[in-house]
Amino acid sequence: MKKNFHYIVRIGFIFAASMLFFSCASLNFGKKAYDYEMVHIQDKSDYLVTDISYPVFNKFPELNKRIKNMVESHWNAYKASAKSDWQEINSLNTKNGGKSRLPAFEYSVSADVSGNKKYVSVLITTYIFNGGAHGNYVLNSLNYDVEKQKFCDICEVSNLSYTQLSAICRRELKNKLKITQMIDDGTAPLPGNYEVFMTEDNFVTVFFEPYSVAPYSDGIQKVKIQFK
């Protein structure tokens, strides 16, 4: 897989204190290429710092629609409560004798793009910091069959059952992490445990959020599996 990037082709403002800009990229597979543009949104206020990036493909309107809705709906839902939550925490700090104001919350979205001649994969990683001990990560992915123009689950892409995927992920993670109970629960052969994955060449990579198979300190876990 080869990616070609050409950064910042145009710049514009969408509203006060917010900036929207774009960069171009491409997935190349020999004579076949899937071109896309990365949309970057940055916004800063007293209570929230936002940094969002997501791809818009030249040829896949249904994929674009799903990505845009996923990113913007989550962002809008968070913004709806962030200001009041931030103000409430500051108010409580003041009542308890605190003198320093709470730093702004953080909301960032990054996107990774990969695939092969048949599939395009997009991984959306959302990081949210609400002023606690650490922030939280939320992972979502979309896997799109470019010929059939439809979204696919991991069993369709890999030709493996959930039972087979579970056995592979369980073995790989236990060899790496030496943990039992969290891995057993997080890799159970259930569709919800295998919703976040990406394709690249003849592999799928399964992603597990912090706390799903290991403690937060171990970070996001990945298992790479070759197509059957």
C-alpha atoms as a PDB file:
ATOM      1  CA  MET A   1       0.000   0.000   0.000  1.00  0.00           C
ATOM      2  CA  LYS A   2       1.351   3.389  -0.959  1.00  0.00           C
ATOM      3  CA  LYS A   3       0.052   6.749   0.217  1.00  0.00           C
ATOM      4  CA  ASN A   4       0.865  10.008  -1.524  1.00  0.00           C
ATOM      5  CA  PHE A   5       0.204  13.205   0.443  1.00  0.00           C
ATOM      6  CA  HIS A   6      -0.003  16.821  -0.702  1.00  0.00           C
ATOM      7  CA  TYR A   7      -0.707  19.064   2.269  1.00  0.00           C
ATOM      8  CA  ILE A   8      -2.825  22.206   2.703  1.00  0.00           C
ATOM      9  CA  VAL A   9      -4.257  22.898  -0.712  1.00  0.00           C
ATOM     10  CA  ARG A  10      -6.686  25.539   0.501  1.00  0.00           C
ATOM     11  CA  ILE A  11      -7.598  27.305   3.718  1.00  0.00           C
ATOM     12  CA  GLY A  12     -10.823  28.893   4.922  1.00  0.00           C
ATOM     13  CA  PHE A  13     -12.698  29.919   8.063  1.00  0.00           C
ATOM     14  CA  ILE A  14     -16.020  28.366   9.018  1.00  0.00           C
ATOM     15  CA  PHE A  15     -16.790  30.589  12.011  1.00  0.00           C
ATOM     16  CA  ALA A  16     -15.023  32.712  14.575  1.00  0.00           C
ATOM     17  CA  ALA A  17     -12.025  30.986  16.175  1.00  0.00           C
ATOM     18  CA  SER A  18     -12.509  27.909  13.971  1.00  0.00           C
ATOM     19  CA  MET A  19     -10.405  26.921  11.001  1.00  0.00           C
ATOM     20  CA  LEU A  20     -11.133  24.482   8.200  1.00  0.00           C
ATOM     21  CA  PHE A  21      -8.401  23.278   5.852  1.00  0.00           C
ATOM     22  CA  PHE A  22      -7.718  20.355   3.538  1.00  0.00           C
ATOM     23  CA  SER A  23      -4.948  18.043   2.366  1.00  0.00           C
ATOM     24  CA  CYS A  24      -4.966  15.539  -0.494  1.00  0.00           C
ATOM     25  CA  ALA A  25      -3.918  11.888  -0.367  1.00  0.00           C
ATOM     26  CA  SER A  26      -4.296   8.648  -2.292  1.00  0.00           C
ATOM     27  CA  LEU A  27      -4.306   4.883  -1.807  1.00  0.00           C
ATOM     28  CA  ASN A  28      -2.421   3.359  -4.744  1.00  0.00           C
ATOM     29  CA  PHE A  29      -2.531  -0.290  -5.816  1.00  0.00           C
ATOM     30  CA  GLY A  30      -0.699  -0.549  -9.115  1.00  0.00           C
ATOM     31  CA  LYS A  31      -2.924   1.038 -11.743  1.00  0.00           C
ATOM     32  CA  LYS A  32      -5.803   1.409  -9.278  1.00  0.00           C
ATOM     33  CA  ALA A  33      -5.925   4.451  -6.998  1.00  0.00           C
ATOM     34  CA  TYR A  34      -8.483   5.725  -4.512  1.00  0.00           C
ATOM     35  CA  ASP A  35      -8.046   9.464  -4.080  1.00  0.00           C
ATOM     36  CA  TYR A  36      -9.337  11.306  -1.040  1.00  0.00           C
ATOM     37  CA  GLU A  37      -9.068  14.612   0.739  1.00  0.00           C
ATOM     38  CA  MET A  38      -8.454  14.985   4.455  1.00  0.00           C
ATOM     39  CA  VAL A  39     -10.701  17.582   6.079  1.00  0.00           C
ATOM     40  CA  HIS A  40      -9.165  19.268   9.143  1.00  0.00           C
ATOM     41  CA  ILE A  41     -11.275  21.258  11.613  1.00  0.00           C
ATOM     42  CA  GLN A  42      -9.731  23.164  14.506  1.00  0.00           C
ATOM     43  CA  ASP A  43     -11.653  25.148  17.099  1.00  0.00           C
ATOM     44  CA  LYS A  44     -10.702  26.659  20.444  1.00  0.00           C
ATOM     45  CA  SER A  45     -12.775  28.180  23.251  1.00  0.00           C
ATOM     46  CA  ASP A  46     -12.406  28.622  27.013  1.00  0.00           C
ATOM     47  CA  TYR A  47     -14.043  25.263  27.680  1.00  0.00           C
ATOM     48  CA  LEU A  48     -13.149  23.104  24.658  1.00  0.00           C
ATOM     49  CA  VAL A  49     -10.220  22.600  22.278  1.00  0.00           C
ATOM     50  CA  THR A  50     -11.208  20.662  19.161  1.00  0.00           C
ATOM     51  CA  ASP A  51      -8.973  19.100  16.506  1.00  0.00           C
ATOM     52  CA  ILE A  52     -10.727  16.880  13.944  1.00  0.00           C
ATOM     53  CA  SER A  53      -9.521  15.164  10.770  1.00  0.00           C
ATOM     54  CA  TYR A  54     -11.467  12.824   8.510  1.00  0.00           C
ATOM     55  CA  PRO A  55     -11.287  11.688   4.853  1.00  0.00           C
ATOM     56  CA  VAL A  56     -13.601  12.516   1.956  1.00  0.00           C
ATOM     57  CA  PHE A  57     -13.215  10.174  -1.022  1.00  0.00           C
ATOM     58  CA  ASN A  58     -13.603  11.246  -4.637  1.00  0.00           C
ATOM     59  CA  LYS A  59     -15.617   8.196  -5.737  1.00  0.00           C
ATOM     60  CA  PHE A  60     -17.500   6.855  -2.696  1.00  0.00           C
ATOM     61  CA  PRO A  61     -20.391   9.146  -1.672  1.00  0.00           C
ATOM     62  CA  GLU A  62     -22.040   6.554   0.600  1.00  0.00           C
ATOM     63  CA  LEU A  63     -18.786   6.026   2.481  1.00  0.00           C
ATOM     64  CA  ASN A  64     -18.326   9.797   2.781  1.00  0.00           C
ATOM     65  CA  LYS A  65     -21.833  10.206   4.137  1.00  0.00           C
ATOM     66  CA  ARG A  66     -21.288   7.538   6.797  1.00  0.00           C
ATOM     67  CA  ILE A  67     -17.916   9.001   7.856  1.00  0.00           C
ATOM     68  CA  LYS A  68     -19.222  12.567   8.058  1.00  0.00           C
ATOM     69  CA  ASN A  69     -22.267  11.535  10.046  1.00  0.00           C
ATOM     70  CA  MET A  70     -20.195   9.412  12.424  1.00  0.00           C
ATOM     71  CA  VAL A  71     -17.710  12.203  13.134  1.00  0.00           C
ATOM     72  CA  GLU A  72     -20.097  15.142  13.284  1.00  0.00           C
ATOM     73  CA  SER A  73     -22.898  13.449  15.228  1.00  0.00           C
ATOM     74  CA  HIS A  74     -20.490  12.381  17.985  1.00  0.00           C
ATOM     75  CA  TRP A  75     -18.871  15.830  18.074  1.00  0.00           C
ATOM     76  CA  ASN A  76     -22.205  17.672  18.222  1.00  0.00           C
ATOM     77  CA  ALA A  77     -23.464  15.384  20.987  1.00  0.00           C
ATOM     78  CA  TYR A  78     -20.331  16.058  23.033  1.00  0.00           C
ATOM     79  CA  LYS A  79     -20.411  19.829  22.461  1.00  0.00           C
ATOM     80  CA  ALA A  80     -24.011  19.973  23.638  1.00  0.00           C
ATOM     81  CA  SER A  81     -22.982  19.116  27.197  1.00  0.00           C
ATOM     82  CA  ALA A  82     -19.278  20.075  27.360  1.00  0.00           C
ATOM     83  CA  LYS A  83     -19.763  23.752  28.216  1.00  0.00           C
ATOM     84  CA  SER A  84     -22.188  23.177  31.084  1.00  0.00           C
ATOM     85  CA  ASP A  85     -20.052  20.310  32.455  1.00  0.00           C
ATOM     86  CA  TRP A  86     -16.906  22.457  32.357  1.00  0.00           C
ATOM     87  CA  GLN A  87     -18.651  25.386  34.049  1.00  0.00           C
ATOM     88  CA  GLU A  88     -20.126  23.117  36.737  1.00  0.00           C
ATOM     89  CA  ILE A  89     -16.722  21.637  37.605  1.00  0.00           C
ATOM     90  CA  ASN A  90     -15.177  25.108  37.817  1.00  0.00           C
ATOM     91  CA  SER A  91     -18.006  26.269  40.046  1.00  0.00           C
ATOM     92  CA  LEU A  92     -17.492  23.334  42.415  1.00  0.00           C
ATOM     93  CA  ASN A  93     -13.749  23.989  42.514  1.00  0.00           C
ATOM     94  CA  THR A  94     -14.381  27.612  43.480  1.00  0.00           C
ATOM     95  CA  LYS A  95     -16.822  26.622  46.242  1.00  0.00           C
ATOM     96  CA  ASN A  96     -14.256  24.185  47.620  1.00  0.00           C
ATOM     97  CA  GLY A  97     -11.597  26.856  47.790  1.00  0.00           C
ATOM     98  CA  GLY A  98      -9.832  26.145  44.513  1.00  0.00           C
ATOM     99  CA  LYS A  99      -8.158  29.140  42.882  1.00  0.00           C
ATOM    100  CA  SER A 100      -7.113  27.785  39.496  1.00  0.00           C
ATOM    101  CA  ARG A 101      -9.543  27.417  36.615  1.00  0.00           C
ATOM    102  CA  LEU A 102      -9.976  24.007  34.999  1.00  0.00           C
ATOM    103  CA  PRO A 103      -8.137  23.706  31.668  1.00  0.00           C
ATOM    104  CA  ALA A 104     -10.292  23.386  28.582  1.00  0.00           C
ATOM    105  CA  PHE A 105     -11.636  19.957  27.730  1.00  0.00           C
ATOM    106  CA  GLU A 106     -10.057  18.264  24.709  1.00  0.00           C
ATOM    107  CA  TYR A 107     -11.847  16.601  21.809  1.00  0.00           C
ATOM    108  CA  SER A 108      -9.755  15.222  18.960  1.00  0.00           C
ATOM    109  CA  VAL A 109     -10.568  12.942  16.057  1.00  0.00           C
ATOM    110  CA  SER A 110      -7.980  11.332  13.797  1.00  0.00           C
ATOM    111  CA  ALA A 111      -8.515   9.024  10.848  1.00  0.00           C
ATOM    112  CA  ASP A 112      -6.356   6.285   9.354  1.00  0.00           C
ATOM    113  CA  VAL A 113      -7.005   4.988   5.843  1.00  0.00           C
ATOM    114  CA  SER A 114      -5.851   1.656   4.430  1.00  0.00           C
ATOM    115  CA  GLY A 115      -7.133  -1.111   2.176  1.00  0.00           C
ATOM    116  CA  ASN A 116      -6.472  -3.222  -0.879  1.00  0.00           C
ATOM    117  CA  LYS A 117      -7.884  -3.421  -4.397  1.00  0.00           C
ATOM    118  CA  LYS A 118     -11.245  -4.658  -3.096  1.00  0.00           C
ATOM    119  CA  TYR A 119     -11.750  -2.828   0.210  1.00  0.00           C
ATOM    120  CA  VAL A 120     -11.204   0.642   1.641  1.00  0.00           C
ATOM    121  CA  SER A 121     -10.911   0.853   5.420  1.00  0.00           C
ATOM    122  CA  VAL A 122     -11.239   3.924   7.631  1.00  0.00           C
ATOM    123  CA  LEU A 123     -10.412   3.907  11.333  1.00  0.00           C
ATOM    124  CA  ILE A 124     -11.823   6.828  13.345  1.00  0.00           C
ATOM    125  CA  THR A 125     -10.060   7.398  16.693  1.00  0.00           C
ATOM    126  CA  THR A 126     -11.726   9.841  19.079  1.00  0.00           C
ATOM    127  CA  TYR A 127      -9.883  11.108  22.157  1.00  0.00           C
ATOM    128  CA  ILE A 128     -11.860  12.922  24.868  1.00  0.00           C
ATOM    129  CA  PHE A 129     -10.356  14.565  27.938  1.00  0.00           C
ATOM    130  CA  ASN A 130     -12.819  15.833  30.558  1.00  0.00           C
ATOM    131  CA  GLY A 131     -10.350  16.966  33.183  1.00  0.00           C
ATOM    132  CA  GLY A 132      -9.916  13.621  34.934  1.00  0.00           C
ATOM    133  CA  ALA A 133      -6.812  11.536  35.519  1.00  0.00           C
ATOM    134  CA  HIS A 134      -6.598  10.739  31.805  1.00  0.00           C
ATOM    135  CA  GLY A 135      -8.611  10.948  28.632  1.00  0.00           C
ATOM    136  CA  ASN A 136     -10.599   8.176  26.953  1.00  0.00           C
ATOM    137  CA  TYR A 137     -10.351   6.672  23.485  1.00  0.00           C
ATOM    138  CA  VAL A 138     -13.288   5.588  21.328  1.00  0.00           C
ATOM    139  CA  LEU A 139     -12.645   3.593  18.154  1.00  0.00           C
ATOM    140  CA  ASN A 140     -14.921   3.184  15.138  1.00  0.00           C
ATOM    141  CA  SER A 141     -14.198   1.759  11.720  1.00  0.00           C
ATOM    142  CA  LEU A 142     -15.835   1.472   8.320  1.00  0.00           C
ATOM    143  CA  ASN A 143     -14.897  -1.149   5.737  1.00  0.00           C
ATOM    144  CA  TYR A 144     -16.252  -0.596   2.247  1.00  0.00           C
ATOM    145  CA  ASP A 145     -16.374  -3.011  -0.707  1.00  0.00           C
ATOM    146  CA  VAL A 146     -15.563  -0.696  -3.630  1.00  0.00           C
ATOM    147  CA  GLU A 147     -16.925  -3.067  -6.298  1.00  0.00           C
ATOM    148  CA  LYS A 148     -20.190  -4.025  -4.603  1.00  0.00           C
ATOM    149  CA  GLN A 149     -20.473  -0.556  -3.019  1.00  0.00           C
ATOM    150  CA  LYS A 150     -21.488  -1.860   0.373  1.00  0.00           C
ATOM    151  CA  PHE A 151     -20.185  -1.950   3.935  1.00  0.00           C
ATOM    152  CA  CYS A 152     -18.763  -5.246   5.197  1.00  0.00           C
ATOM    153  CA  ASP A 153     -18.207  -6.902   8.537  1.00  0.00           C
ATOM    154  CA  ILE A 154     -15.019  -8.701   9.479  1.00  0.00           C
ATOM    155  CA  CYS A 155     -16.351 -12.168   8.673  1.00  0.00           C
ATOM    156  CA  GLU A 156     -17.134 -11.146   5.077  1.00  0.00           C
ATOM    157  CA  VAL A 157     -13.696  -9.603   4.625  1.00  0.00           C
ATOM    158  CA  SER A 158     -11.561 -12.272   6.316  1.00  0.00           C
ATOM    159  CA  ASN A 159     -13.636 -15.415   5.530  1.00  0.00           C
ATOM    160  CA  LEU A 160     -13.228 -16.333   9.193  1.00  0.00           C
ATOM    161  CA  SER A 161     -15.987 -16.994  11.724  1.00  0.00           C
ATOM    162  CA  TYR A 162     -16.243 -15.153  15.033  1.00  0.00           C
ATOM    163  CA  THR A 163     -15.139 -18.363  16.755  1.00  0.00           C
ATOM    164  CA  GLN A 164     -11.998 -18.513  14.599  1.00  0.00           C
ATOM    165  CA  LEU A 165     -11.272 -14.808  15.104  1.00  0.00           C
ATOM    166  CA  SER A 166     -11.737 -15.207  18.842  1.00  0.00           C
ATOM    167  CA  ALA A 167      -9.260 -18.077  19.033  1.00  0.00           C
ATOM    168  CA  ILE A 168      -6.603 -16.160  17.087  1.00  0.00           C
ATOM    169  CA  CYS A 169      -7.003 -12.906  19.025  1.00  0.00           C
ATOM    170  CA  ARG A 170      -7.113 -14.684  22.361  1.00  0.00           C
ATOM    171  CA  ARG A 171      -3.888 -16.566  21.635  1.00  0.00           C
ATOM    172  CA  GLU A 172      -2.013 -13.510  20.330  1.00  0.00           C
ATOM    173  CA  LEU A 173      -3.063 -11.210  23.173  1.00  0.00           C
ATOM    174  CA  LYS A 174      -2.320 -13.754  25.901  1.00  0.00           C
ATOM    175  CA  ASN A 175       1.164 -14.289  24.496  1.00  0.00           C
ATOM    176  CA  LYS A 176       1.713 -10.556  24.515  1.00  0.00           C
ATOM    177  CA  LEU A 177      -0.027  -9.376  27.699  1.00  0.00           C
ATOM    178  CA  LYS A 178      -0.087 -12.419  30.002  1.00  0.00           C
ATOM    179  CA  ILE A 179      -3.594 -11.464  31.192  1.00  0.00           C
ATOM    180  CA  THR A 180      -6.494 -13.910  31.271  1.00  0.00           C
ATOM    181  CA  GLN A 181      -9.894 -12.631  32.407  1.00  0.00           C
ATOM    182  CA  MET A 182     -10.021  -9.326  30.517  1.00  0.00           C
ATOM    183  CA  ILE A 183      -8.796 -11.004  27.333  1.00  0.00           C
ATOM    184  CA  ASP A 184     -11.323 -13.833  27.632  1.00  0.00           C
ATOM    185  CA  ASP A 185     -14.181 -11.349  27.996  1.00  0.00           C
ATOM    186  CA  GLY A 186     -12.980  -8.887  25.361  1.00  0.00           C
ATOM    187  CA  THR A 187     -12.271 -11.513  22.707  1.00  0.00           C
ATOM    188  CA  ALA A 188     -15.412 -13.608  23.186  1.00  0.00           C
ATOM    189  CA  PRO A 189     -16.840 -14.676  19.766  1.00  0.00           C
ATOM    190  CA  LEU A 190     -19.420 -11.898  19.661  1.00  0.00           C
ATOM    191  CA  PRO A 191     -19.911  -9.443  16.754  1.00  0.00           C
ATOM    192  CA  GLY A 192     -19.539  -6.415  19.042  1.00  0.00           C
ATOM    193  CA  ASN A 193     -15.979  -7.408  19.921  1.00  0.00           C
ATOM    194  CA  TYR A 194     -14.912  -7.380  16.265  1.00  0.00           C
ATOM    195  CA  GLU A 195     -16.565  -4.261  14.873  1.00  0.00           C
ATOM    196  CA  VAL A 196     -13.336  -2.245  14.753  1.00  0.00           C
ATOM    197  CA  PHE A 197     -10.932  -3.530  12.117  1.00  0.00           C
ATOM    198  CA  MET A 198      -9.013  -2.454   9.019  1.00  0.00           C
ATOM    199  CA  THR A 199      -7.865  -4.220   5.866  1.00  0.00           C
ATOM    200  CA  GLU A 200      -4.433  -3.877   4.305  1.00  0.00           C
ATOM    201  CA  ASP A 201      -3.145  -6.093   1.499  1.00  0.00           C
ATOM    202  CA  ASN A 202      -4.206  -9.641   2.547  1.00  0.00           C
ATOM    203  CA  PHE A 203      -4.554  -8.924   6.266  1.00  0.00           C
ATOM    204  CA  VAL A 204      -7.170  -7.615   8.661  1.00  0.00           C
ATOM    205  CA  THR A 205      -6.125  -5.837  11.842  1.00  0.00           C
ATOM    206  CA  VAL A 206      -8.526  -6.021  14.784  1.00  0.00           C
ATOM    207  CA  PHE A 207      -8.446  -3.132  17.275  1.00  0.00           C
ATOM    208  CA  PHE A 208      -9.417  -3.252  20.955  1.00  0.00           C
ATOM    209  CA  GLU A 209     -10.049  -0.094  22.991  1.00  0.00           C
ATOM    210  CA  PRO A 210      -8.394   0.434  26.388  1.00  0.00           C
ATOM    211  CA  TYR A 211     -10.176  -1.560  29.119  1.00  0.00           C
ATOM    212  CA  SER A 212     -11.659  -4.043  26.629  1.00  0.00           C
ATOM    213  CA  VAL A 213      -8.856  -6.618  26.827  1.00  0.00           C
ATOM    214  CA  ALA A 214      -6.252  -4.879  29.013  1.00  0.00           C
ATOM    215  CA  PRO A 215      -5.832  -1.990  31.481  1.00  0.00           C
ATOM    216  CA  TYR A 216      -5.733   1.596  30.218  1.00  0.00           C
ATOM    217  CA  SER A 217      -1.960   1.720  30.764  1.00  0.00           C
ATOM    218  CA  ASP A 218      -1.480  -0.930  28.058  1.00  0.00           C
ATOM    219  CA  GLY A 219      -3.176   1.275  25.480  1.00  0.00           C
ATOM    220  CA  ILE A 220      -5.040   0.270  22.333  1.00  0.00           C
ATOM    221  CA  GLN A 221      -4.379  -3.354  21.379  1.00  0.00           C
ATOM    222  CA  LYS A 222      -4.111  -4.709  17.827  1.00  0.00           C
ATOM    223  CA  VAL A 223      -4.083  -8.195  16.334  1.00  0.00           C
ATOM    224  CA  LYS A 224      -3.089  -8.688  12.691  1.00  0.00           C
ATOM    225  CA  ILE A 225      -4.693 -11.684  10.956  1.00  0.00           C
ATOM    226  CA  GLN A 226      -4.044 -13.005   7.462  1.00  0.00           C
ATOM    227  CA  PHE A 227      -7.062 -13.625   5.199  1.00  0.00           C
ATOM    228  CA  LYS A 228      -8.113 -17.267   5.100  1.00  0.00           C
END
